[in-house]
Amino acid sequence: KTRVVVEQAFGRLKARFSFLKYMRLKDTIKGTDIIDIALILHNFVEKNNDEWEEDDNSYNDEINDSELIYELEEDEDLISRNNAIIKRQNLLELICIDM
């Protein structure tokens, strides 16, 4: 029962803020701030039983597929770099512990 309630809440969140799927930010801190704000607004609307005008998908029509692919490739590069940094830090910690 709890799982179903949580899944339904995330479904409503995704419907309200569909632009989150297409965010193209290079600054991850700014991105997390935007997501936090969306969550706060979502929780406020849910708590107060306010009506929310559904997001129109006009933004979706403006996005070029090649732009999305390019952004995804950039994100994958960033993830790969971040994973490499984490691995190096973990190895360094292991080496320092053994000394």
PDB file of N, CA and C in Angstrom:
ATOM      1  N   LYS A   1       0.824  -1.198   0.000  1.00  0.00           N
ATOM      2  CA  LYS A   1       0.000   0.000   0.000  1.00  0.00           C
ATOM      3  C   LYS A   1       0.868   1.263   0.000  1.00  0.00           C
ATOM      4  N   THR A   2       1.878   1.304   0.843  1.00  0.00           N
ATOM      5  CA  THR A   2       2.743   2.483   0.902  1.00  0.00           C
ATOM      6  C   THR A   2       3.440   2.699  -0.425  1.00  0.00           C
ATOM      7  N   ARG A   3       3.917   1.607  -1.011  1.00  0.00           N
ATOM      8  CA  ARG A   3       4.623   1.706  -2.288  1.00  0.00           C
ATOM      9  C   ARG A   3       3.722   2.302  -3.367  1.00  0.00           C
ATOM     10  N   VAL A   4       2.475   1.880  -3.401  1.00  0.00           N
ATOM     11  CA  VAL A   4       1.525   2.380  -4.396  1.00  0.00           C
ATOM     12  C   VAL A   4       1.298   3.879  -4.197  1.00  0.00           C
ATOM     13  N   VAL A   5       1.152   4.301  -2.942  1.00  0.00           N
ATOM     14  CA  VAL A   5       0.946   5.727  -2.645  1.00  0.00           C
ATOM     15  C   VAL A   5       2.141   6.546  -3.112  1.00  0.00           C
ATOM     16  N   VAL A   6       3.346   6.044  -2.834  1.00  0.00           N
ATOM     17  CA  VAL A   6       4.567   6.748  -3.240  1.00  0.00           C
ATOM     18  C   VAL A   6       4.659   6.817  -4.762  1.00  0.00           C
ATOM     19  N   GLU A   7       4.383   5.711  -5.445  1.00  0.00           N
ATOM     20  CA  GLU A   7       4.434   5.694  -6.909  1.00  0.00           C
ATOM     21  C   GLU A   7       3.423   6.670  -7.511  1.00  0.00           C
ATOM     22  N   GLN A   8       2.233   6.738  -6.928  1.00  0.00           N
ATOM     23  CA  GLN A   8       1.220   7.668  -7.427  1.00  0.00           C
ATOM     24  C   GLN A   8       1.651   9.119  -7.208  1.00  0.00           C
ATOM     25  N   ALA A   9       2.284   9.385  -6.055  1.00  0.00           N
ATOM     26  CA  ALA A   9       2.769  10.746  -5.780  1.00  0.00           C
ATOM     27  C   ALA A   9       3.835  11.151  -6.791  1.00  0.00           C
ATOM     28  N   PHE A  10       4.762  10.237  -7.094  1.00  0.00           N
ATOM     29  CA  PHE A  10       5.784  10.544  -8.099  1.00  0.00           C
ATOM     30  C   PHE A  10       5.159  10.727  -9.479  1.00  0.00           C
ATOM     31  N   GLY A  11       4.112   9.982  -9.763  1.00  0.00           N
ATOM     32  CA  GLY A  11       3.407  10.152 -11.035  1.00  0.00           C
ATOM     33  C   GLY A  11       2.805  11.546 -11.159  1.00  0.00           C
ATOM     34  N   ARG A  12       2.189  12.021 -10.066  1.00  0.00           N
ATOM     35  CA  ARG A  12       1.629  13.379 -10.082  1.00  0.00           C
ATOM     36  C   ARG A  12       2.733  14.420 -10.207  1.00  0.00           C
ATOM     37  N   LEU A  13       3.848  14.190  -9.519  1.00  0.00           N
ATOM     38  CA  LEU A  13       4.989  15.112  -9.603  1.00  0.00           C
ATOM     39  C   LEU A  13       5.498  15.201 -11.039  1.00  0.00           C
ATOM     40  N   LYS A  14       5.663  14.052 -11.687  1.00  0.00           N
ATOM     41  CA  LYS A  14       6.151  14.029 -13.070  1.00  0.00           C
ATOM     42  C   LYS A  14       5.173  14.715 -14.024  1.00  0.00           C
ATOM     43  N   ALA A  15       3.881  14.564 -13.761  1.00  0.00           N
ATOM     44  CA  ALA A  15       2.882  15.204 -14.621  1.00  0.00           C
ATOM     45  C   ALA A  15       2.907  16.719 -14.455  1.00  0.00           C
ATOM     46  N   ARG A  16       3.096  17.171 -13.224  1.00  0.00           N
ATOM     47  CA  ARG A  16       3.114  18.618 -12.966  1.00  0.00           C
ATOM     48  C   ARG A  16       4.350  19.290 -13.525  1.00  0.00           C
ATOM     49  N   PHE A  17       5.467  18.623 -13.433  1.00  0.00           N
ATOM     50  CA  PHE A  17       6.737  19.243 -13.799  1.00  0.00           C
ATOM     51  C   PHE A  17       7.443  18.435 -14.878  1.00  0.00           C
ATOM     52  N   SER A  18       6.759  18.255 -16.000  1.00  0.00           N
ATOM     53  CA  SER A  18       7.332  17.441 -17.076  1.00  0.00           C
ATOM     54  C   SER A  18       8.592  18.063 -17.662  1.00  0.00           C
ATOM     55  N   PHE A  19       8.794  19.365 -17.449  1.00  0.00           N
ATOM     56  CA  PHE A  19      10.005  20.015 -17.962  1.00  0.00           C
ATOM     57  C   PHE A  19      11.269  19.429 -17.335  1.00  0.00           C
ATOM     58  N   LEU A  20      11.142  18.800 -16.174  1.00  0.00           N
ATOM     59  CA  LEU A  20      12.323  18.229 -15.518  1.00  0.00           C
ATOM     60  C   LEU A  20      12.979  17.154 -16.379  1.00  0.00           C
ATOM     61  N   LYS A  21      12.186  16.497 -17.211  1.00  0.00           N
ATOM     62  CA  LYS A  21      12.740  15.462 -18.086  1.00  0.00           C
ATOM     63  C   LYS A  21      13.692  16.049 -19.117  1.00  0.00           C
ATOM     64  N   TYR A  22      13.508  17.318 -19.439  1.00  0.00           N
ATOM     65  CA  TYR A  22      14.260  17.931 -20.528  1.00  0.00           C
ATOM     66  C   TYR A  22      15.219  19.017 -20.055  1.00  0.00           C
ATOM     67  N   MET A  23      15.507  19.040 -18.762  1.00  0.00           N
ATOM     68  CA  MET A  23      16.428  20.062 -18.254  1.00  0.00           C
ATOM     69  C   MET A  23      17.799  19.869 -18.874  1.00  0.00           C
ATOM     70  N   ARG A  24      18.396  20.979 -19.302  1.00  0.00           N
ATOM     71  CA  ARG A  24      19.721  20.924 -19.904  1.00  0.00           C
ATOM     72  C   ARG A  24      20.626  21.890 -19.154  1.00  0.00           C
ATOM     73  N   LEU A  25      21.042  21.481 -17.984  1.00  0.00           N
ATOM     74  CA  LEU A  25      21.895  22.335 -17.171  1.00  0.00           C
ATOM     75  C   LEU A  25      23.251  21.683 -17.007  1.00  0.00           C
ATOM     76  N   LYS A  26      24.264  22.473 -17.154  1.00  0.00           N
ATOM     77  CA  LYS A  26      25.608  21.954 -16.938  1.00  0.00           C
ATOM     78  C   LYS A  26      25.995  22.062 -15.460  1.00  0.00           C
ATOM     79  N   ASP A  27      25.310  22.920 -14.715  1.00  0.00           N
ATOM     80  CA  ASP A  27      25.590  23.141 -13.305  1.00  0.00           C
ATOM     81  C   ASP A  27      24.681  22.225 -12.481  1.00  0.00           C
ATOM     82  N   THR A  28      25.251  21.181 -11.885  1.00  0.00           N
ATOM     83  CA  THR A  28      24.434  20.218 -11.146  1.00  0.00           C
ATOM     84  C   THR A  28      23.826  20.830  -9.892  1.00  0.00           C
ATOM     85  N   ILE A  29      24.500  21.784  -9.285  1.00  0.00           N
ATOM     86  CA  ILE A  29      23.946  22.417  -8.084  1.00  0.00           C
ATOM     87  C   ILE A  29      22.687  23.193  -8.449  1.00  0.00           C
ATOM     88  N   LYS A  30      22.733  23.915  -9.556  1.00  0.00           N
ATOM     89  CA  LYS A  30      21.549  24.650 -10.005  1.00  0.00           C
ATOM     90  C   LYS A  30      20.429  23.659 -10.341  1.00  0.00           C
ATOM     91  N   GLY A  31      20.778  22.544 -10.941  1.00  0.00           N
ATOM     92  CA  GLY A  31      19.785  21.526 -11.272  1.00  0.00           C
ATOM     93  C   GLY A  31      19.116  20.955 -10.037  1.00  0.00           C
ATOM     94  N   THR A  32      19.906  20.653  -9.003  1.00  0.00           N
ATOM     95  CA  THR A  32      19.311  20.113  -7.773  1.00  0.00           C
ATOM     96  C   THR A  32      18.453  21.166  -7.082  1.00  0.00           C
ATOM     97  N   ASP A  33      18.845  22.436  -7.178  1.00  0.00           N
ATOM     98  CA  ASP A  33      18.015  23.505  -6.607  1.00  0.00           C
ATOM     99  C   ASP A  33      16.662  23.570  -7.309  1.00  0.00           C
ATOM    100  N   ILE A  34      16.661  23.436  -8.627  1.00  0.00           N
ATOM    101  CA  ILE A  34      15.407  23.471  -9.386  1.00  0.00           C
ATOM    102  C   ILE A  34      14.528  22.284  -9.008  1.00  0.00           C
ATOM    103  N   ILE A  35      15.127  21.119  -8.858  1.00  0.00           N
ATOM    104  CA  ILE A  35      14.365  19.928  -8.461  1.00  0.00           C
ATOM    105  C   ILE A  35      13.804  20.108  -7.057  1.00  0.00           C
ATOM    106  N   ASP A  36      14.616  20.649  -6.140  1.00  0.00           N
ATOM    107  CA  ASP A  36      14.137  20.912  -4.779  1.00  0.00           C
ATOM    108  C   ASP A  36      12.924  21.843  -4.796  1.00  0.00           C
ATOM    109  N   ILE A  37      13.003  22.899  -5.596  1.00  0.00           N
ATOM    110  CA  ILE A  37      11.893  23.854  -5.690  1.00  0.00           C
ATOM    111  C   ILE A  37      10.645  23.171  -6.238  1.00  0.00           C
ATOM    112  N   ALA A  38      10.816  22.334  -7.251  1.00  0.00           N
ATOM    113  CA  ALA A  38       9.675  21.606  -7.816  1.00  0.00           C
ATOM    114  C   ALA A  38       9.045  20.704  -6.755  1.00  0.00           C
ATOM    115  N   LEU A  39       9.875  20.038  -5.951  1.00  0.00           N
ATOM    116  CA  LEU A  39       9.351  19.168  -4.893  1.00  0.00           C
ATOM    117  C   LEU A  39       8.605  19.971  -3.832  1.00  0.00           C
ATOM    118  N   ILE A  40       9.153  21.122  -3.458  1.00  0.00           N
ATOM    119  CA  ILE A  40       8.489  21.971  -2.460  1.00  0.00           C
ATOM    120  C   ILE A  40       7.127  22.431  -2.977  1.00  0.00           C
ATOM    121  N   LEU A  41       7.092  22.913  -4.227  1.00  0.00           N
ATOM    122  CA  LEU A  41       5.819  23.348  -4.814  1.00  0.00           C
ATOM    123  C   LEU A  41       4.826  22.193  -4.902  1.00  0.00           C
ATOM    124  N   HIS A  42       5.304  21.038  -5.315  1.00  0.00           N
ATOM    125  CA  HIS A  42       4.451  19.853  -5.425  1.00  0.00           C
ATOM    126  C   HIS A  42       3.850  19.508  -4.061  1.00  0.00           C
ATOM    127  N   ASN A  43       4.696  19.469  -3.025  1.00  0.00           N
ATOM    128  CA  ASN A  43       4.208  19.127  -1.689  1.00  0.00           C
ATOM    129  C   ASN A  43       3.220  20.170  -1.169  1.00  0.00           C
ATOM    130  N   PHE A  44       3.474  21.444  -1.463  1.00  0.00           N
ATOM    131  CA  PHE A  44       2.557  22.506  -1.053  1.00  0.00           C
ATOM    132  C   PHE A  44       1.190  22.317  -1.704  1.00  0.00           C
ATOM    133  N   VAL A  45       1.188  22.077  -2.997  1.00  0.00           N
ATOM    134  CA  VAL A  45      -0.069  21.886  -3.723  1.00  0.00           C
ATOM    135  C   VAL A  45      -0.798  20.656  -3.198  1.00  0.00           C
ATOM    136  N   GLU A  46      -0.063  19.571  -2.975  1.00  0.00           N
ATOM    137  CA  GLU A  46      -0.678  18.341  -2.474  1.00  0.00           C
ATOM    138  C   GLU A  46      -1.285  18.562  -1.082  1.00  0.00           C
ATOM    139  N   LYS A  47      -0.531  19.220  -0.209  1.00  0.00           N
ATOM    140  CA  LYS A  47      -0.985  19.427   1.169  1.00  0.00           C
ATOM    141  C   LYS A  47      -2.230  20.308   1.225  1.00  0.00           C
ATOM    142  N   ASN A  48      -2.301  21.302   0.370  1.00  0.00           N
ATOM    143  CA  ASN A  48      -3.413  22.251   0.391  1.00  0.00           C
ATOM    144  C   ASN A  48      -4.537  21.887  -0.569  1.00  0.00           C
ATOM    145  N   ASN A  49      -4.414  20.741  -1.213  1.00  0.00           N
ATOM    146  CA  ASN A  49      -5.429  20.276  -2.168  1.00  0.00           C
ATOM    147  C   ASN A  49      -5.749  21.329  -3.217  1.00  0.00           C
ATOM    148  N   ASP A  50      -4.741  22.100  -3.588  1.00  0.00           N
ATOM    149  CA  ASP A  50      -4.925  23.126  -4.610  1.00  0.00           C
ATOM    150  C   ASP A  50      -5.004  22.477  -5.983  1.00  0.00           C
ATOM    151  N   GLU A  51      -5.668  23.184  -6.874  1.00  0.00           N
ATOM    152  CA  GLU A  51      -5.692  22.750  -8.266  1.00  0.00           C
ATOM    153  C   GLU A  51      -4.405  23.205  -8.923  1.00  0.00           C
ATOM    154  N   TRP A  52      -3.917  22.422  -9.835  1.00  0.00           N
ATOM    155  CA  TRP A  52      -2.681  22.756 -10.543  1.00  0.00           C
ATOM    156  C   TRP A  52      -2.948  22.609 -12.018  1.00  0.00           C
ATOM    157  N   GLU A  53      -2.708  23.673 -12.746  1.00  0.00           N
ATOM    158  CA  GLU A  53      -2.888  23.611 -14.188  1.00  0.00           C
ATOM    159  C   GLU A  53      -1.779  22.752 -14.772  1.00  0.00           C
ATOM    160  N   GLU A  54      -2.170  21.719 -15.483  1.00  0.00           N
ATOM    161  CA  GLU A  54      -1.181  20.799 -16.034  1.00  0.00           C
ATOM    162  C   GLU A  54      -0.259  21.512 -17.002  1.00  0.00           C
ATOM    163  N   ASP A  55       0.964  21.050 -17.030  1.00  0.00           N
ATOM    164  CA  ASP A  55       1.996  21.613 -17.892  1.00  0.00           C
ATOM    165  C   ASP A  55       1.616  21.383 -19.351  1.00  0.00           C
ATOM    166  N   ASP A  56       1.623  22.448 -20.151  1.00  0.00           N
ATOM    167  CA  ASP A  56       1.413  22.220 -21.579  1.00  0.00           C
ATOM    168  C   ASP A  56       2.732  21.746 -22.178  1.00  0.00           C
ATOM    169  N   ASN A  57       2.654  20.971 -23.190  1.00  0.00           N
ATOM    170  CA  ASN A  57       3.847  20.348 -23.755  1.00  0.00           C
ATOM    171  C   ASN A  57       4.461  21.165 -24.880  1.00  0.00           C
ATOM    172  N   SER A  58       4.198  22.477 -24.905  1.00  0.00           N
ATOM    173  CA  SER A  58       4.753  23.296 -25.976  1.00  0.00           C
ATOM    174  C   SER A  58       6.274  23.297 -25.928  1.00  0.00           C
ATOM    175  N   TYR A  59       6.835  23.218 -24.723  1.00  0.00           N
ATOM    176  CA  TYR A  59       8.294  23.184 -24.598  1.00  0.00           C
ATOM    177  C   TYR A  59       8.854  21.932 -25.262  1.00  0.00           C
ATOM    178  N   ASN A  60       8.146  20.830 -25.111  1.00  0.00           N
ATOM    179  CA  ASN A  60       8.604  19.571 -25.694  1.00  0.00           C
ATOM    180  C   ASN A  60       8.729  19.671 -27.207  1.00  0.00           C
ATOM    181  N   ASP A  61       7.820  20.424 -27.837  1.00  0.00           N
ATOM    182  CA  ASP A  61       7.847  20.546 -29.291  1.00  0.00           C
ATOM    183  C   ASP A  61       9.039  21.361 -29.773  1.00  0.00           C
ATOM    184  N   GLU A  62       9.555  22.247 -28.912  1.00  0.00           N
ATOM    185  CA  GLU A  62      10.653  23.118 -29.306  1.00  0.00           C
ATOM    186  C   GLU A  62      12.011  22.430 -29.232  1.00  0.00           C
ATOM    187  N   ILE A  63      12.065  21.293 -28.585  1.00  0.00           N
ATOM    188  CA  ILE A  63      13.346  20.627 -28.380  1.00  0.00           C
ATOM    189  C   ILE A  63      13.704  19.804 -29.611  1.00  0.00           C
ATOM    190  N   ASN A  64      14.880  20.025 -30.102  1.00  0.00           N
ATOM    191  CA  ASN A  64      15.381  19.286 -31.245  1.00  0.00           C
ATOM    192  C   ASN A  64      15.997  17.980 -30.742  1.00  0.00           C
ATOM    193  N   ASP A  65      15.693  16.864 -31.394  1.00  0.00           N
ATOM    194  CA  ASP A  65      16.226  15.574 -30.962  1.00  0.00           C
ATOM    195  C   ASP A  65      17.744  15.563 -30.934  1.00  0.00           C
ATOM    196  N   SER A  66      18.378  16.205 -31.905  1.00  0.00           N
ATOM    197  CA  SER A  66      19.841  16.203 -31.925  1.00  0.00           C
ATOM    198  C   SER A  66      20.398  16.947 -30.720  1.00  0.00           C
ATOM    199  N   GLU A  67      19.690  17.984 -30.249  1.00  0.00           N
ATOM    200  CA  GLU A  67      20.119  18.687 -29.043  1.00  0.00           C
ATOM    201  C   GLU A  67      20.047  17.763 -27.843  1.00  0.00           C
ATOM    202  N   LEU A  68      18.967  16.986 -27.755  1.00  0.00           N
ATOM    203  CA  LEU A  68      18.828  16.056 -26.642  1.00  0.00           C
ATOM    204  C   LEU A  68      19.933  15.015 -26.654  1.00  0.00           C
ATOM    205  N   ILE A  69      20.233  14.484 -27.832  1.00  0.00           N
ATOM    206  CA  ILE A  69      21.290  13.482 -27.942  1.00  0.00           C
ATOM    207  C   ILE A  69      22.622  14.082 -27.527  1.00  0.00           C
ATOM    208  N   TYR A  70      22.903  15.303 -27.978  1.00  0.00           N
ATOM    209  CA  TYR A  70      24.147  15.975 -27.617  1.00  0.00           C
ATOM    210  C   TYR A  70      24.231  16.173 -26.106  1.00  0.00           C
ATOM    211  N   GLU A  71      23.129  16.605 -25.494  1.00  0.00           N
ATOM    212  CA  GLU A  71      23.122  16.818 -24.050  1.00  0.00           C
ATOM    213  C   GLU A  71      23.311  15.497 -23.311  1.00  0.00           C
ATOM    214  N   LEU A  72      22.684  14.432 -23.804  1.00  0.00           N
ATOM    215  CA  LEU A  72      22.860  13.127 -23.171  1.00  0.00           C
ATOM    216  C   LEU A  72      24.308  12.672 -23.252  1.00  0.00           C
ATOM    217  N   GLU A  73      24.942  12.905 -24.403  1.00  0.00           N
ATOM    218  CA  GLU A  73      26.349  12.535 -24.542  1.00  0.00           C
ATOM    219  C   GLU A  73      27.208  13.331 -23.570  1.00  0.00           C
ATOM    220  N   GLU A  74      26.903  14.619 -23.408  1.00  0.00           N
ATOM    221  CA  GLU A  74      27.648  15.437 -22.448  1.00  0.00           C
ATOM    222  C   GLU A  74      27.437  14.919 -21.034  1.00  0.00           C
ATOM    223  N   ASP A  75      26.194  14.544 -20.706  1.00  0.00           N
ATOM    224  CA  ASP A  75      25.906  14.010 -19.384  1.00  0.00           C
ATOM    225  C   ASP A  75      26.669  12.712 -19.147  1.00  0.00           C
ATOM    226  N   GLU A  76      26.720  11.844 -20.169  1.00  0.00           N
ATOM    227  CA  GLU A  76      27.446  10.587 -20.031  1.00  0.00           C
ATOM    228  C   GLU A  76      28.930  10.844 -19.812  1.00  0.00           C
ATOM    229  N   ASP A  77      29.490  11.837 -20.516  1.00  0.00           N
ATOM    230  CA  ASP A  77      30.893  12.192 -20.310  1.00  0.00           C
ATOM    231  C   ASP A  77      31.123  12.678 -18.891  1.00  0.00           C
ATOM    232  N   LEU A  78      30.210  13.501 -18.391  1.00  0.00           N
ATOM    233  CA  LEU A  78      30.328  14.019 -17.034  1.00  0.00           C
ATOM    234  C   LEU A  78      30.240  12.887 -16.022  1.00  0.00           C
ATOM    235  N   ILE A  79      29.318  11.969 -16.235  1.00  0.00           N
ATOM    236  CA  ILE A  79      29.174  10.825 -15.335  1.00  0.00           C
ATOM    237  C   ILE A  79      30.436   9.979 -15.358  1.00  0.00           C
ATOM    238  N   SER A  80      30.988   9.738 -16.537  1.00  0.00           N
ATOM    239  CA  SER A  80      32.223   8.957 -16.646  1.00  0.00           C
ATOM    240  C   SER A  80      33.363   9.634 -15.898  1.00  0.00           C
ATOM    241  N   ARG A  81      33.483  10.949 -16.056  1.00  0.00           N
ATOM    242  CA  ARG A  81      34.539  11.685 -15.340  1.00  0.00           C
ATOM    243  C   ARG A  81      34.327  11.618 -13.837  1.00  0.00           C
ATOM    244  N   ASN A  82      33.085  11.787 -13.406  1.00  0.00           N
ATOM    245  CA  ASN A  82      32.793  11.723 -11.975  1.00  0.00           C
ATOM    246  C   ASN A  82      33.075  10.339 -11.416  1.00  0.00           C
ATOM    247  N   ASN A  83      32.717   9.303 -12.167  1.00  0.00           N
ATOM    248  CA  ASN A  83      33.009   7.938 -11.720  1.00  0.00           C
ATOM    249  C   ASN A  83      34.508   7.711 -11.608  1.00  0.00           C
ATOM    250  N   ALA A  84      35.272   8.240 -12.557  1.00  0.00           N
ATOM    251  CA  ALA A  84      36.729   8.095 -12.508  1.00  0.00           C
ATOM    252  C   ALA A  84      37.301   8.805 -11.288  1.00  0.00           C
ATOM    253  N   ILE A  85      36.789   9.983 -10.988  1.00  0.00           N
ATOM    254  CA  ILE A  85      37.260  10.724  -9.815  1.00  0.00           C
ATOM    255  C   ILE A  85      36.959   9.945  -8.539  1.00  0.00           C
ATOM    256  N   ILE A  86      35.762   9.399  -8.450  1.00  0.00           N
ATOM    257  CA  ILE A  86      35.384   8.622  -7.265  1.00  0.00           C
ATOM    258  C   ILE A  86      36.278   7.401  -7.119  1.00  0.00           C
ATOM    259  N   LYS A  87      36.543   6.704  -8.220  1.00  0.00           N
ATOM    260  CA  LYS A  87      37.422   5.530  -8.160  1.00  0.00           C
ATOM    261  C   LYS A  87      38.813   5.921  -7.690  1.00  0.00           C
ATOM    262  N   ARG A  88      39.345   7.031  -8.214  1.00  0.00           N
ATOM    263  CA  ARG A  88      40.671   7.486  -7.783  1.00  0.00           C
ATOM    264  C   ARG A  88      40.679   7.831  -6.302  1.00  0.00           C
ATOM    265  N   GLN A  89      39.637   8.490  -5.837  1.00  0.00           N
ATOM    266  CA  GLN A  89      39.567   8.842  -4.423  1.00  0.00           C
ATOM    267  C   GLN A  89      39.491   7.593  -3.550  1.00  0.00           C
ATOM    268  N   ASN A  90      38.710   6.607  -3.980  1.00  0.00           N
ATOM    269  CA  ASN A  90      38.612   5.356  -3.223  1.00  0.00           C
ATOM    270  C   ASN A  90      39.950   4.632  -3.176  1.00  0.00           C
ATOM    271  N   LEU A  91      40.651   4.596  -4.308  1.00  0.00           N
ATOM    272  CA  LEU A  91      41.969   3.957  -4.332  1.00  0.00           C
ATOM    273  C   LEU A  91      42.948   4.693  -3.424  1.00  0.00           C
ATOM    274  N   LEU A  92      42.913   6.006  -3.459  1.00  0.00           N
ATOM    275  CA  LEU A  92      43.791   6.803  -2.611  1.00  0.00           C
ATOM    276  C   LEU A  92      43.512   6.532  -1.136  1.00  0.00           C
ATOM    277  N   GLU A  93      42.234   6.445  -0.777  1.00  0.00           N
ATOM    278  CA  GLU A  93      41.881   6.142   0.607  1.00  0.00           C
ATOM    279  C   GLU A  93      42.385   4.763   1.009  1.00  0.00           C
ATOM    280  N   LEU A  94      42.251   3.784   0.118  1.00  0.00           N
ATOM    281  CA  LEU A  94      42.750   2.438   0.417  1.00  0.00           C
ATOM    282  C   LEU A  94      44.258   2.446   0.616  1.00  0.00           C
ATOM    283  N   ILE A  95      44.963   3.167  -0.227  1.00  0.00           N
ATOM    284  CA  ILE A  95      46.420   3.233  -0.126  1.00  0.00           C
ATOM    285  C   ILE A  95      46.822   3.926   1.170  1.00  0.00           C
ATOM    286  N   CYS A  96      46.149   5.013   1.502  1.00  0.00           N
ATOM    287  CA  CYS A  96      46.494   5.764   2.714  1.00  0.00           C
ATOM    288  C   CYS A  96      46.190   4.973   3.975  1.00  0.00           C
ATOM    289  N   ILE A  97      45.157   4.162   3.959  1.00  0.00           N
ATOM    290  CA  ILE A  97      44.823   3.339   5.126  1.00  0.00           C
ATOM    291  C   ILE A  97      45.903   2.298   5.362  1.00  0.00           C
ATOM    292  N   ASP A  98      46.458   1.741   4.294  1.00  0.00           N
ATOM    293  CA  ASP A  98      47.472   0.700   4.417  1.00  0.00           C
ATOM    294  C   ASP A  98      48.808   1.244   4.890  1.00  0.00           C
ATOM    295  N   MET A  99      49.036   2.533   4.834  1.00  0.00           N
ATOM    296  CA  MET A  99      50.331   3.103   5.217  1.00  0.00           C
ATOM    297  C   MET A  99      50.431   3.306   6.697  1.00  0.00           C
TER     298      MET A  99
END
